[in-house]
Amino acid sequence: LCSKSLLTMLLTTAALLSAQSRDETWKLCNDNNPDLRITACTALMNSGQESAEALAIETYNRGNAYMAKNDFDRAIQDLDQSLRLNPRNAEAFYTRASVHLLRGNYDHAVADYSASIQLHPEFWEAYNNRGLAYFTKADNDHAISDFNEAIRLNPDNAIAFKNRGSVYNLKGDDNRAIADYTESLRLASDDIYTWSYRCFSRAIVGQLASALEDCNH
């Protein structure tokens, strides 16, 4: 017996295959809506007509969709399969690393971000996120090194400045933290967390009037 949800999925998949061309279904497999993406990619994967190259993309897209829905077990399964089919997909390593990071599997996250960087050395987001993984492991020197590289590759990247400032704050180097928070706010002045972090660092070094301004802001 099929559950109601499974029956609905099967009927939807059948409708996709019968009512749409492969190109239309492929377009939905790349849609921003995770539910549409999952249904369309599943239809293509179950058609028995896809090449290994296409299946690698479809499992990657569906894994991304499962990640967006916080269904991390299914996301990992799909990303594992995608990487078996195409072990040179830097984006798949990056996405799987991000799932590991969200789940608190920091060593796995570092390994996958490293694999992504090896395949795509200009991937600043991978450096930034690997820095976060190192930061959560209290490996501050490696974290700063990665944030440095993320900033070198993308100097307009407010997130990496904020993240590096937080590491400096944790190390007790509040003047450097303030400098990084200031640059981050120059690039993205609407980040309330950065205002509060700079407020905290300014208070520590005795810049109380400026700290109050930041907290009020």
N, C-alpha and C. Protein backbone atom coordinates (compact mmCIF):
# COMPACT_ATOMS: atom_id res chain seq x y z
N LEU A 1 0.84 -1.19 0.00
CA LEU A 1 0.00 0.00 0.00
C LEU A 1 0.88 1.24 0.00
N CYS A 2 0.45 2.25 -0.75
CA CYS A 2 1.20 3.51 -0.82
C CYS A 2 0.61 4.51 0.17
N SER A 3 1.48 5.27 0.82
CA SER A 3 0.99 6.37 1.64
C SER A 3 0.42 7.44 0.72
N LYS A 4 -0.38 8.31 1.30
CA LYS A 4 -0.98 9.38 0.51
C LYS A 4 0.07 10.28 -0.11
N SER A 5 1.13 10.61 0.68
CA SER A 5 2.17 11.50 0.17
C SER A 5 2.96 10.84 -0.95
N LEU A 6 3.24 9.51 -0.81
CA LEU A 6 3.96 8.81 -1.86
C LEU A 6 3.12 8.72 -3.12
N LEU A 7 1.81 8.42 -2.96
CA LEU A 7 0.93 8.35 -4.12
C LEU A 7 0.87 9.69 -4.84
N THR A 8 0.81 10.77 -4.07
CA THR A 8 0.79 12.12 -4.67
C THR A 8 2.06 12.37 -5.46
N MET A 9 3.21 11.97 -4.89
CA MET A 9 4.48 12.17 -5.58
C MET A 9 4.53 11.38 -6.87
N LEU A 10 4.07 10.12 -6.82
CA LEU A 10 4.09 9.29 -8.02
C LEU A 10 3.19 9.85 -9.11
N LEU A 11 2.01 10.33 -8.70
CA LEU A 11 1.09 10.91 -9.67
C LEU A 11 1.67 12.18 -10.27
N THR A 12 2.31 13.00 -9.41
CA THR A 12 2.92 14.24 -9.90
C THR A 12 4.06 13.94 -10.86
N THR A 13 4.87 12.94 -10.52
CA THR A 13 5.98 12.55 -11.39
C THR A 13 5.46 12.07 -12.73
N ALA A 14 4.41 11.23 -12.70
CA ALA A 14 3.84 10.74 -13.94
C ALA A 14 3.29 11.87 -14.78
N ALA A 15 2.67 12.84 -14.12
CA ALA A 15 2.12 13.98 -14.85
C ALA A 15 3.23 14.78 -15.51
N LEU A 16 4.34 14.95 -14.80
CA LEU A 16 5.46 15.70 -15.37
C LEU A 16 5.98 15.01 -16.63
N LEU A 17 6.15 13.69 -16.53
CA LEU A 17 6.73 12.97 -17.66
C LEU A 17 5.79 12.92 -18.85
N SER A 18 4.50 12.87 -18.58
CA SER A 18 3.54 12.75 -19.68
C SER A 18 3.18 14.09 -20.28
N ALA A 19 3.17 15.14 -19.47
CA ALA A 19 2.67 16.44 -19.95
C ALA A 19 3.77 17.37 -20.41
N GLN A 20 5.01 17.08 -20.09
CA GLN A 20 6.08 18.01 -20.39
C GLN A 20 7.20 17.31 -21.14
N SER A 21 7.89 18.07 -21.94
CA SER A 21 9.08 17.55 -22.59
C SER A 21 10.19 17.45 -21.57
N ARG A 22 11.25 16.73 -21.93
CA ARG A 22 12.39 16.63 -21.02
C ARG A 22 12.97 18.01 -20.74
N ASP A 23 13.02 18.87 -21.75
CA ASP A 23 13.59 20.20 -21.55
C ASP A 23 12.81 21.00 -20.51
N GLU A 24 11.50 20.87 -20.52
CA GLU A 24 10.69 21.59 -19.54
C GLU A 24 10.91 21.03 -18.14
N THR A 25 11.00 19.69 -18.06
CA THR A 25 11.25 19.07 -16.75
C THR A 25 12.65 19.43 -16.26
N TRP A 26 13.61 19.47 -17.17
CA TRP A 26 14.98 19.86 -16.82
C TRP A 26 15.00 21.27 -16.25
N LYS A 27 14.20 22.16 -16.84
CA LYS A 27 14.14 23.54 -16.36
C LYS A 27 13.63 23.58 -14.92
N LEU A 28 12.63 22.75 -14.61
CA LEU A 28 12.10 22.70 -13.25
C LEU A 28 13.11 22.06 -12.29
N CYS A 29 13.95 21.17 -12.80
CA CYS A 29 14.99 20.55 -11.98
C CYS A 29 16.04 21.57 -11.56
N ASN A 30 16.05 22.73 -12.22
CA ASN A 30 16.95 23.83 -11.87
C ASN A 30 16.20 25.01 -11.24
N ASP A 31 14.93 24.80 -10.90
CA ASP A 31 14.10 25.89 -10.37
C ASP A 31 14.54 26.28 -8.96
N ASN A 32 14.26 27.53 -8.59
CA ASN A 32 14.61 27.99 -7.25
C ASN A 32 13.71 27.40 -6.17
N ASN A 33 12.52 26.95 -6.54
CA ASN A 33 11.60 26.34 -5.58
C ASN A 33 12.06 24.92 -5.28
N PRO A 34 12.45 24.62 -4.04
CA PRO A 34 13.01 23.29 -3.76
C PRO A 34 12.03 22.15 -4.00
N ASP A 35 10.74 22.36 -3.75
CA ASP A 35 9.77 21.28 -3.96
C ASP A 35 9.64 20.95 -5.45
N LEU A 36 9.57 21.99 -6.29
CA LEU A 36 9.52 21.75 -7.73
C LEU A 36 10.79 21.07 -8.22
N ARG A 37 11.92 21.51 -7.67
CA ARG A 37 13.19 20.94 -8.09
C ARG A 37 13.27 19.46 -7.73
N ILE A 38 12.84 19.11 -6.52
CA ILE A 38 12.89 17.72 -6.09
C ILE A 38 12.02 16.84 -6.97
N THR A 39 10.79 17.29 -7.25
CA THR A 39 9.87 16.50 -8.06
C THR A 39 10.38 16.33 -9.48
N ALA A 40 10.87 17.41 -10.07
CA ALA A 40 11.34 17.34 -11.46
C ALA A 40 12.62 16.52 -11.58
N CYS A 41 13.57 16.75 -10.68
CA CYS A 41 14.82 15.99 -10.74
C CYS A 41 14.56 14.50 -10.52
N THR A 42 13.65 14.18 -9.59
CA THR A 42 13.30 12.78 -9.35
C THR A 42 12.69 12.15 -10.59
N ALA A 43 11.83 12.90 -11.28
CA ALA A 43 11.22 12.38 -12.51
C ALA A 43 12.28 12.05 -13.55
N LEU A 44 13.25 12.94 -13.71
CA LEU A 44 14.32 12.70 -14.68
C LEU A 44 15.18 11.51 -14.26
N MET A 45 15.52 11.46 -12.98
CA MET A 45 16.38 10.38 -12.48
C MET A 45 15.72 9.01 -12.62
N ASN A 46 14.40 8.98 -12.47
CA ASN A 46 13.66 7.71 -12.54
C ASN A 46 13.26 7.33 -13.96
N SER A 47 13.56 8.20 -14.93
CA SER A 47 13.12 7.93 -16.31
C SER A 47 13.93 6.83 -16.98
N GLY A 48 15.15 6.57 -16.48
CA GLY A 48 15.99 5.56 -17.09
C GLY A 48 16.60 6.00 -18.40
N GLN A 49 16.50 7.29 -18.71
CA GLN A 49 16.97 7.79 -20.00
C GLN A 49 18.12 8.79 -19.86
N GLU A 50 18.60 9.00 -18.65
CA GLU A 50 19.59 10.04 -18.41
C GLU A 50 21.01 9.49 -18.47
N SER A 51 21.92 10.31 -19.01
CA SER A 51 23.33 9.95 -19.02
C SER A 51 23.92 10.12 -17.62
N ALA A 52 25.10 9.55 -17.40
CA ALA A 52 25.76 9.70 -16.11
C ALA A 52 26.06 11.16 -15.82
N GLU A 53 26.42 11.91 -16.86
CA GLU A 53 26.70 13.34 -16.69
C GLU A 53 25.45 14.09 -16.23
N ALA A 54 24.30 13.78 -16.86
CA ALA A 54 23.05 14.43 -16.48
C ALA A 54 22.63 14.02 -15.07
N LEU A 55 22.79 12.74 -14.75
CA LEU A 55 22.41 12.27 -13.42
C LEU A 55 23.25 12.94 -12.33
N ALA A 56 24.51 13.21 -12.63
CA ALA A 56 25.36 13.90 -11.65
C ALA A 56 24.81 15.28 -11.33
N ILE A 57 24.32 15.98 -12.35
CA ILE A 57 23.75 17.31 -12.15
C ILE A 57 22.41 17.20 -11.43
N GLU A 58 21.59 16.24 -11.82
CA GLU A 58 20.25 16.10 -11.23
C GLU A 58 20.33 15.73 -9.75
N THR A 59 21.24 14.81 -9.41
CA THR A 59 21.37 14.45 -7.99
C THR A 59 21.94 15.61 -7.19
N TYR A 60 22.83 16.39 -7.81
CA TYR A 60 23.36 17.58 -7.15
C TYR A 60 22.24 18.60 -6.91
N ASN A 61 21.43 18.86 -7.94
CA ASN A 61 20.33 19.82 -7.79
C ASN A 61 19.34 19.37 -6.73
N ARG A 62 19.02 18.08 -6.71
CA ARG A 62 18.06 17.60 -5.72
C ARG A 62 18.67 17.65 -4.32
N GLY A 63 19.96 17.35 -4.21
CA GLY A 63 20.63 17.46 -2.92
C GLY A 63 20.60 18.87 -2.39
N ASN A 64 20.81 19.85 -3.28
CA ASN A 64 20.71 21.25 -2.90
C ASN A 64 19.32 21.58 -2.38
N ALA A 65 18.31 21.04 -3.07
CA ALA A 65 16.92 21.30 -2.67
C ALA A 65 16.63 20.69 -1.29
N TYR A 66 17.12 19.47 -1.06
CA TYR A 66 16.92 18.86 0.26
C TYR A 66 17.63 19.67 1.34
N MET A 67 18.80 20.21 1.02
CA MET A 67 19.50 21.05 1.98
C MET A 67 18.67 22.29 2.32
N ALA A 68 18.06 22.90 1.29
CA ALA A 68 17.23 24.08 1.51
C ALA A 68 16.04 23.77 2.42
N LYS A 69 15.59 22.53 2.41
CA LYS A 69 14.46 22.10 3.25
C LYS A 69 14.93 21.52 4.59
N ASN A 70 16.24 21.62 4.87
CA ASN A 70 16.82 21.09 6.11
C ASN A 70 16.66 19.58 6.23
N ASP A 71 16.53 18.89 5.09
CA ASP A 71 16.49 17.42 5.09
C ASP A 71 17.91 16.95 4.81
N PHE A 72 18.75 17.01 5.85
CA PHE A 72 20.18 16.84 5.65
C PHE A 72 20.57 15.41 5.29
N ASP A 73 19.86 14.42 5.80
CA ASP A 73 20.20 13.03 5.47
C ASP A 73 20.05 12.79 3.96
N ARG A 74 18.92 13.22 3.41
CA ARG A 74 18.71 13.03 1.97
C ARG A 74 19.66 13.90 1.16
N ALA A 75 19.95 15.07 1.65
CA ALA A 75 20.91 15.94 0.95
C ALA A 75 22.26 15.25 0.84
N ILE A 76 22.75 14.68 1.93
CA ILE A 76 24.05 14.00 1.91
C ILE A 76 24.01 12.81 0.96
N GLN A 77 22.92 12.03 0.98
CA GLN A 77 22.80 10.88 0.08
C GLN A 77 22.92 11.30 -1.38
N ASP A 78 22.20 12.36 -1.74
CA ASP A 78 22.25 12.82 -3.14
C ASP A 78 23.61 13.39 -3.50
N LEU A 79 24.20 14.16 -2.61
CA LEU A 79 25.50 14.75 -2.90
C LEU A 79 26.59 13.69 -2.98
N ASP A 80 26.49 12.66 -2.14
CA ASP A 80 27.42 11.52 -2.25
C ASP A 80 27.31 10.89 -3.64
N GLN A 81 26.07 10.65 -4.08
CA GLN A 81 25.85 10.03 -5.39
C GLN A 81 26.35 10.92 -6.51
N SER A 82 26.09 12.22 -6.41
CA SER A 82 26.55 13.16 -7.43
C SER A 82 28.07 13.14 -7.55
N LEU A 83 28.77 13.07 -6.41
CA LEU A 83 30.23 13.07 -6.43
C LEU A 83 30.79 11.73 -6.90
N ARG A 84 30.05 10.65 -6.70
CA ARG A 84 30.49 9.38 -7.29
C ARG A 84 30.43 9.45 -8.81
N LEU A 85 29.40 10.14 -9.32
CA LEU A 85 29.24 10.26 -10.77
C LEU A 85 30.19 11.30 -11.36
N ASN A 86 30.48 12.35 -10.60
CA ASN A 86 31.39 13.40 -11.07
C ASN A 86 32.24 13.90 -9.90
N PRO A 87 33.37 13.26 -9.66
CA PRO A 87 34.20 13.63 -8.50
C PRO A 87 34.98 14.92 -8.69
N ARG A 88 34.73 15.66 -9.77
CA ARG A 88 35.43 16.91 -10.00
C ARG A 88 34.48 18.11 -9.93
N ASN A 89 33.36 17.94 -9.26
CA ASN A 89 32.38 19.02 -9.12
C ASN A 89 32.67 19.78 -7.82
N ALA A 90 33.34 20.93 -7.95
CA ALA A 90 33.70 21.72 -6.77
C ALA A 90 32.47 22.19 -6.01
N GLU A 91 31.39 22.51 -6.74
CA GLU A 91 30.16 22.98 -6.09
C GLU A 91 29.54 21.88 -5.23
N ALA A 92 29.61 20.63 -5.68
CA ALA A 92 29.04 19.53 -4.90
C ALA A 92 29.82 19.32 -3.61
N PHE A 93 31.16 19.40 -3.68
CA PHE A 93 31.96 19.31 -2.45
C PHE A 93 31.61 20.46 -1.51
N TYR A 94 31.47 21.66 -2.08
CA TYR A 94 31.15 22.84 -1.27
C TYR A 94 29.79 22.68 -0.58
N THR A 95 28.80 22.21 -1.33
CA THR A 95 27.46 22.06 -0.75
C THR A 95 27.45 20.97 0.32
N ARG A 96 28.12 19.85 0.04
CA ARG A 96 28.16 18.79 1.05
C ARG A 96 28.90 19.27 2.29
N ALA A 97 29.96 20.05 2.10
CA ALA A 97 30.67 20.62 3.25
C ALA A 97 29.75 21.51 4.06
N SER A 98 28.91 22.28 3.37
CA SER A 98 27.99 23.19 4.08
C SER A 98 26.96 22.42 4.88
N VAL A 99 26.52 21.27 4.36
CA VAL A 99 25.60 20.42 5.13
C VAL A 99 26.32 19.90 6.38
N HIS A 100 27.56 19.44 6.21
CA HIS A 100 28.34 18.97 7.37
C HIS A 100 28.52 20.09 8.39
N LEU A 101 28.76 21.31 7.90
CA LEU A 101 28.95 22.45 8.81
C LEU A 101 27.67 22.70 9.61
N LEU A 102 26.52 22.66 8.94
CA LEU A 102 25.25 22.89 9.61
C LEU A 102 24.95 21.79 10.64
N ARG A 103 25.44 20.59 10.37
CA ARG A 103 25.19 19.46 11.28
C ARG A 103 26.23 19.38 12.39
N GLY A 104 27.24 20.24 12.35
CA GLY A 104 28.26 20.22 13.38
C GLY A 104 29.36 19.21 13.14
N ASN A 105 29.44 18.66 11.92
CA ASN A 105 30.51 17.72 11.57
C ASN A 105 31.67 18.51 10.98
N TYR A 106 32.42 19.19 11.84
CA TYR A 106 33.38 20.19 11.37
C TYR A 106 34.57 19.59 10.64
N ASP A 107 35.04 18.43 11.06
CA ASP A 107 36.17 17.82 10.36
C ASP A 107 35.78 17.42 8.94
N HIS A 108 34.58 16.87 8.77
CA HIS A 108 34.10 16.53 7.43
C HIS A 108 33.91 17.79 6.59
N ALA A 109 33.44 18.85 7.24
CA ALA A 109 33.25 20.11 6.52
C ALA A 109 34.59 20.64 6.01
N VAL A 110 35.61 20.63 6.86
CA VAL A 110 36.93 21.10 6.45
C VAL A 110 37.46 20.28 5.28
N ALA A 111 37.30 18.96 5.35
CA ALA A 111 37.80 18.08 4.28
C ALA A 111 37.11 18.39 2.95
N ASP A 112 35.79 18.58 2.98
CA ASP A 112 35.06 18.84 1.74
C ASP A 112 35.33 20.24 1.20
N TYR A 113 35.43 21.23 2.08
CA TYR A 113 35.80 22.57 1.61
C TYR A 113 37.20 22.54 0.99
N SER A 114 38.10 21.78 1.58
CA SER A 114 39.46 21.68 1.03
C SER A 114 39.44 21.04 -0.35
N ALA A 115 38.61 20.01 -0.53
CA ALA A 115 38.50 19.38 -1.84
C ALA A 115 37.92 20.35 -2.86
N SER A 116 36.96 21.15 -2.43
CA SER A 116 36.36 22.16 -3.31
C SER A 116 37.39 23.19 -3.73
N ILE A 117 38.21 23.64 -2.78
CA ILE A 117 39.25 24.63 -3.07
C ILE A 117 40.32 24.06 -3.99
N GLN A 118 40.65 22.80 -3.80
CA GLN A 118 41.65 22.18 -4.67
C GLN A 118 41.17 22.16 -6.13
N LEU A 119 39.88 21.94 -6.32
CA LEU A 119 39.32 21.92 -7.67
C LEU A 119 39.08 23.32 -8.22
N HIS A 120 38.82 24.27 -7.33
CA HIS A 120 38.49 25.64 -7.75
C HIS A 120 39.21 26.61 -6.81
N PRO A 121 40.49 26.89 -7.08
CA PRO A 121 41.30 27.70 -6.15
C PRO A 121 40.80 29.13 -5.95
N GLU A 122 39.93 29.63 -6.83
CA GLU A 122 39.42 30.99 -6.69
C GLU A 122 38.08 31.05 -5.95
N PHE A 123 37.69 29.97 -5.33
CA PHE A 123 36.37 29.83 -4.72
C PHE A 123 36.39 30.50 -3.34
N TRP A 124 36.14 31.82 -3.30
CA TRP A 124 36.29 32.55 -2.03
C TRP A 124 35.28 32.11 -0.99
N GLU A 125 34.07 31.71 -1.44
CA GLU A 125 33.07 31.26 -0.47
C GLU A 125 33.53 30.01 0.27
N ALA A 126 34.26 29.13 -0.43
CA ALA A 126 34.77 27.92 0.23
C ALA A 126 35.82 28.28 1.27
N TYR A 127 36.69 29.26 0.97
CA TYR A 127 37.65 29.71 1.97
C TYR A 127 36.93 30.31 3.18
N ASN A 128 35.92 31.14 2.92
CA ASN A 128 35.19 31.77 4.02
C ASN A 128 34.53 30.72 4.91
N ASN A 129 33.87 29.75 4.29
CA ASN A 129 33.16 28.75 5.08
C ASN A 129 34.10 27.77 5.78
N ARG A 130 35.24 27.47 5.11
CA ARG A 130 36.22 26.63 5.80
C ARG A 130 36.77 27.38 7.01
N GLY A 131 36.91 28.71 6.87
CA GLY A 131 37.32 29.52 8.01
C GLY A 131 36.34 29.41 9.15
N LEU A 132 35.05 29.40 8.83
CA LEU A 132 34.03 29.23 9.87
C LEU A 132 34.16 27.88 10.56
N ALA A 133 34.41 26.84 9.75
CA ALA A 133 34.58 25.50 10.33
C ALA A 133 35.78 25.47 11.27
N TYR A 134 36.89 26.08 10.84
CA TYR A 134 38.07 26.14 11.72
C TYR A 134 37.75 26.96 12.99
N PHE A 135 37.00 28.04 12.82
CA PHE A 135 36.64 28.89 13.95
C PHE A 135 35.86 28.10 15.00
N THR A 136 34.91 27.30 14.54
CA THR A 136 34.11 26.50 15.47
C THR A 136 34.95 25.40 16.12
N LYS A 137 36.08 25.03 15.49
CA LYS A 137 36.99 24.06 16.07
C LYS A 137 38.03 24.72 16.97
N ALA A 138 37.90 26.07 17.14
CA ALA A 138 38.84 26.86 17.94
C ALA A 138 40.24 26.83 17.34
N ASP A 139 40.33 26.63 16.03
CA ASP A 139 41.60 26.69 15.30
C ASP A 139 41.69 28.08 14.67
N ASN A 140 42.00 29.07 15.52
CA ASN A 140 41.89 30.47 15.11
C ASN A 140 42.89 30.88 14.04
N ASP A 141 44.10 30.33 14.08
CA ASP A 141 45.11 30.71 13.10
C ASP A 141 44.71 30.27 11.69
N HIS A 142 44.22 29.02 11.58
CA HIS A 142 43.76 28.56 10.27
C HIS A 142 42.52 29.34 9.82
N ALA A 143 41.67 29.69 10.77
CA ALA A 143 40.48 30.48 10.43
C ALA A 143 40.87 31.83 9.84
N ILE A 144 41.80 32.52 10.49
CA ILE A 144 42.24 33.83 10.00
C ILE A 144 42.89 33.69 8.63
N SER A 145 43.70 32.66 8.44
CA SER A 145 44.34 32.44 7.15
C SER A 145 43.30 32.28 6.04
N ASP A 146 42.23 31.53 6.32
CA ASP A 146 41.19 31.34 5.31
C ASP A 146 40.41 32.63 5.06
N PHE A 147 40.11 33.39 6.11
CA PHE A 147 39.40 34.66 5.90
C PHE A 147 40.28 35.64 5.13
N ASN A 148 41.60 35.61 5.40
CA ASN A 148 42.52 36.45 4.63
C ASN A 148 42.41 36.13 3.14
N GLU A 149 42.39 34.84 2.82
CA GLU A 149 42.33 34.44 1.42
C GLU A 149 40.99 34.79 0.79
N ALA A 150 39.92 34.62 1.55
CA ALA A 150 38.60 35.00 1.05
C ALA A 150 38.55 36.49 0.73
N ILE A 151 39.16 37.30 1.57
CA ILE A 151 39.19 38.75 1.36
C ILE A 151 40.09 39.10 0.17
N ARG A 152 41.21 38.39 0.04
CA ARG A 152 42.10 38.65 -1.10
C ARG A 152 41.38 38.37 -2.42
N LEU A 153 40.62 37.28 -2.44
CA LEU A 153 39.92 36.90 -3.67
C LEU A 153 38.70 37.78 -3.94
N ASN A 154 38.09 38.31 -2.86
CA ASN A 154 36.90 39.16 -3.01
C ASN A 154 36.97 40.27 -1.96
N PRO A 155 37.67 41.37 -2.27
CA PRO A 155 37.84 42.44 -1.28
C PRO A 155 36.56 43.17 -0.91
N ASP A 156 35.49 42.96 -1.68
CA ASP A 156 34.20 43.59 -1.37
C ASP A 156 33.30 42.66 -0.57
N ASN A 157 33.89 41.68 0.07
CA ASN A 157 33.16 40.64 0.78
C ASN A 157 33.02 41.02 2.26
N ALA A 158 31.87 41.58 2.61
CA ALA A 158 31.64 42.04 3.99
C ALA A 158 31.64 40.89 4.98
N ILE A 159 31.16 39.74 4.56
CA ILE A 159 31.02 38.61 5.49
C ILE A 159 32.37 38.16 6.02
N ALA A 160 33.37 38.04 5.14
CA ALA A 160 34.68 37.57 5.59
C ALA A 160 35.34 38.57 6.54
N PHE A 161 35.15 39.88 6.29
CA PHE A 161 35.68 40.89 7.23
C PHE A 161 35.02 40.72 8.60
N LYS A 162 33.69 40.53 8.61
CA LYS A 162 33.00 40.34 9.89
C LYS A 162 33.50 39.08 10.59
N ASN A 163 33.65 37.99 9.82
CA ASN A 163 34.09 36.74 10.43
C ASN A 163 35.51 36.85 10.98
N ARG A 164 36.40 37.50 10.22
CA ARG A 164 37.78 37.66 10.70
C ARG A 164 37.81 38.55 11.94
N GLY A 165 36.95 39.59 11.96
CA GLY A 165 36.86 40.43 13.15
C GLY A 165 36.45 39.64 14.37
N SER A 166 35.55 38.67 14.19
CA SER A 166 35.10 37.86 15.32
C SER A 166 36.22 36.98 15.86
N VAL A 167 37.09 36.49 14.95
CA VAL A 167 38.23 35.70 15.42
C VAL A 167 39.20 36.58 16.20
N TYR A 168 39.48 37.78 15.67
CA TYR A 168 40.37 38.70 16.39
C TYR A 168 39.79 39.05 17.76
N ASN A 169 38.47 39.23 17.81
CA ASN A 169 37.82 39.52 19.08
C ASN A 169 38.05 38.38 20.08
N LEU A 170 37.90 37.16 19.60
CA LEU A 170 38.08 35.99 20.46
C LEU A 170 39.53 35.87 20.94
N LYS A 171 40.46 36.31 20.08
CA LYS A 171 41.88 36.26 20.44
C LYS A 171 42.29 37.43 21.33
N GLY A 172 41.36 38.37 21.59
CA GLY A 172 41.67 39.52 22.43
C GLY A 172 42.33 40.65 21.68
N ASP A 173 42.35 40.59 20.36
CA ASP A 173 42.94 41.64 19.54
C ASP A 173 41.81 42.55 19.05
N ASP A 174 41.28 43.35 19.98
CA ASP A 174 40.05 44.09 19.69
C ASP A 174 40.26 45.25 18.73
N ASN A 175 41.46 45.83 18.66
CA ASN A 175 41.69 46.91 17.70
C ASN A 175 41.59 46.38 16.27
N ARG A 176 42.16 45.20 16.02
CA ARG A 176 42.01 44.59 14.69
C ARG A 176 40.55 44.20 14.44
N ALA A 177 39.89 43.72 15.48
CA ALA A 177 38.47 43.36 15.34
C ALA A 177 37.66 44.59 14.93
N ILE A 178 37.91 45.72 15.59
CA ILE A 178 37.18 46.96 15.27
C ILE A 178 37.44 47.36 13.82
N ALA A 179 38.70 47.27 13.39
CA ALA A 179 39.04 47.64 12.01
C ALA A 179 38.28 46.76 11.01
N ASP A 180 38.20 45.45 11.28
CA ASP A 180 37.48 44.55 10.37
C ASP A 180 35.97 44.80 10.40
N TYR A 181 35.43 45.01 11.58
CA TYR A 181 33.99 45.30 11.67
C TYR A 181 33.67 46.61 10.93
N THR A 182 34.56 47.58 11.04
CA THR A 182 34.34 48.88 10.37
C THR A 182 34.32 48.70 8.86
N GLU A 183 35.27 47.91 8.35
CA GLU A 183 35.29 47.66 6.90
C GLU A 183 34.06 46.86 6.47
N SER A 184 33.66 45.90 7.28
CA SER A 184 32.46 45.12 6.96
C SER A 184 31.24 46.02 6.89
N LEU A 185 31.12 46.97 7.83
CA LEU A 185 29.98 47.89 7.83
C LEU A 185 30.04 48.88 6.68
N ARG A 186 31.24 49.22 6.23
CA ARG A 186 31.35 50.08 5.04
C ARG A 186 30.77 49.37 3.82
N LEU A 187 30.95 48.04 3.78
CA LEU A 187 30.47 47.26 2.63
C LEU A 187 29.02 46.83 2.79
N ALA A 188 28.56 46.67 4.03
CA ALA A 188 27.18 46.20 4.27
C ALA A 188 26.70 46.85 5.57
N SER A 189 26.18 48.06 5.47
CA SER A 189 25.85 48.85 6.67
C SER A 189 24.56 48.40 7.34
N ASP A 190 23.84 47.45 6.76
CA ASP A 190 22.56 47.03 7.34
C ASP A 190 22.67 45.76 8.18
N ASP A 191 23.88 45.31 8.46
CA ASP A 191 24.06 44.08 9.25
C ASP A 191 24.05 44.43 10.74
N ILE A 192 22.95 44.16 11.41
CA ILE A 192 22.82 44.55 12.82
C ILE A 192 23.81 43.80 13.71
N TYR A 193 24.18 42.58 13.31
CA TYR A 193 25.12 41.81 14.13
C TYR A 193 26.49 42.48 14.15
N THR A 194 26.92 42.99 12.99
CA THR A 194 28.23 43.64 12.94
C THR A 194 28.24 44.90 13.79
N TRP A 195 27.14 45.65 13.78
CA TRP A 195 27.05 46.84 14.67
C TRP A 195 27.20 46.42 16.12
N SER A 196 26.55 45.33 16.51
CA SER A 196 26.61 44.91 17.92
C SER A 196 27.99 44.37 18.26
N TYR A 197 28.62 43.66 17.30
CA TYR A 197 29.96 43.13 17.58
C TYR A 197 30.96 44.28 17.75
N ARG A 198 30.86 45.32 16.90
CA ARG A 198 31.78 46.44 17.03
C ARG A 198 31.52 47.20 18.33
N CYS A 199 30.25 47.31 18.71
CA CYS A 199 29.90 47.92 19.99
C CYS A 199 30.64 47.22 21.13
N PHE A 200 30.60 45.88 21.11
CA PHE A 200 31.23 45.09 22.17
C PHE A 200 32.74 45.32 22.18
N SER A 201 33.38 45.28 21.01
CA SER A 201 34.83 45.46 20.95
C SER A 201 35.23 46.87 21.36
N ARG A 202 34.46 47.86 20.94
CA ARG A 202 34.77 49.23 21.32
C ARG A 202 34.64 49.43 22.83
N ALA A 203 33.65 48.79 23.43
CA ALA A 203 33.49 48.90 24.88
C ALA A 203 34.69 48.29 25.60
N ILE A 204 35.20 47.18 25.09
CA ILE A 204 36.33 46.51 25.73
C ILE A 204 37.57 47.41 25.75
N VAL A 205 37.80 48.14 24.64
CA VAL A 205 39.00 48.98 24.58
C VAL A 205 38.77 50.37 25.15
N GLY A 206 37.58 50.60 25.72
CA GLY A 206 37.31 51.87 26.39
C GLY A 206 36.75 52.97 25.51
N GLN A 207 36.36 52.64 24.27
CA GLN A 207 35.73 53.64 23.38
C GLN A 207 34.22 53.66 23.67
N LEU A 208 33.87 54.13 24.86
CA LEU A 208 32.50 53.94 25.34
C LEU A 208 31.48 54.77 24.56
N ALA A 209 31.82 56.01 24.20
CA ALA A 209 30.87 56.83 23.45
C ALA A 209 30.59 56.21 22.08
N SER A 210 31.66 55.75 21.41
CA SER A 210 31.48 55.11 20.10
C SER A 210 30.73 53.78 20.24
N ALA A 211 31.03 53.05 21.31
CA ALA A 211 30.34 51.79 21.55
C ALA A 211 28.85 52.03 21.72
N LEU A 212 28.49 53.08 22.49
CA LEU A 212 27.08 53.39 22.71
C LEU A 212 26.40 53.75 21.40
N GLU A 213 27.11 54.50 20.55
CA GLU A 213 26.53 54.84 19.24
C GLU A 213 26.25 53.58 18.42
N ASP A 214 27.18 52.64 18.45
CA ASP A 214 26.99 51.39 17.69
C ASP A 214 25.79 50.60 18.24
N CYS A 215 25.72 50.49 19.55
CA CYS A 215 24.61 49.72 20.15
C CYS A 215 23.28 50.41 19.88
N ASN A 216 23.25 51.73 19.96
CA ASN A 216 22.01 52.46 19.64
C ASN A 216 21.60 52.25 18.19
N HIS A 217 22.63 52.26 17.32
CA HIS A 217 22.34 52.05 15.91
C HIS A 217 21.72 50.68 15.69
